Amino acid sequence: MLGTTSWKRLATALAITGLALSAQPAAAADWSDTWAGVRYGTDFREPFNANEIAKTIYVLQHVSGYKYGTNFFNVDILKSDGMDPANGGGGGAQEVYVVYKNTLSYNAITGSKRSGMIRDFGWEFGLDFNSKDDAFAPRVQKFMTGPTMMFDVPGFLAVGLLYYKEKNHNGIVGTSVTFDPTYRLAAAWGINIKSINSVFKGFATYTGEKGTDGFGAETAAETLIEMSLMYDAGSLLGKKETFYLGVGYQYWKNKFGSDSSLDPTGGSTAKVPQILFEAHF
């Protein structure tokens, strides 16, 4: 379990990493967008926990284009209320979750330009890491790779079919778990809606069964959708594309692969309205 000091050090290190990415020289990045924000909801769920959980989630995100494709970095710092307790007491659990993706672009590498519905092809490499101080004490390590297609939309829309491999830790039974390899269908989007001065953004993943978990139970296919409609509030202050306010929704079935049909608490499925704020640098 991470103590308060360790959590602060980890969060600080991650924030410095994100800011370092956002500060890369202009010669290294053709374009970039870095933002910090917060989202809040009161109906988050955790497997085999009957409680509705309020969470405040602080976000730092960076995306940029470079000579051969794109880089994506995201860190979430999640703070639960007491309905998702920290191990050993002391209030709600805290979690840090980090995502990094690199996508190689066919157009960028070959100097091609495409027309039509498909804008570009790519190959994605992705890593996820987390740590949480609840009784389960997860330490997720995920690796993903596979082809993606980028569609011609006002903004961006990418869809990929990925190889997926996960390791984790189960503190309740005191064991680490290496799951079977499986597949992931993944989509990410940011669609500009000029008529209402907004962006519809989010991601969706469908991850296949990955064998047995740390309790010896068979995992189920997992669906996660995180989406939001963000209004460009900065435009009202003469700061276009700087400050965004919006509403979002999370749908998560068979969370972490936990079969919702075997969870009498209902905690393996989340349906969470959220409010969000972003400040872009």
Foldseek 3Di string as FASTA:
>chain_A
DDDPVRVVVVVVVLVVVLVVVVPDDCQFFVDKWKKKKKKWWQQAFAFLQLDRKIKIKIKIWMKTAGQFFIKIKMKIWIWIAQSQAFPPGDTHKIKIKIKIKTKGWPCSVVVDADDDFWGTKIKMWMWMFMFMRHQQGKTKTKIKIFMKTWTDAQWTKIKTKIWIWMKIGGNNVGGIDTWAIWIKIKMWTWHQDVVQQKIKTWMKMWTAWTQADPVRDTFHIKIKTKIKIWHQPCVVVVRGPFKIKIKIWIWIASVVRPHCVPGPSSRRITIIIMIMMMGMD
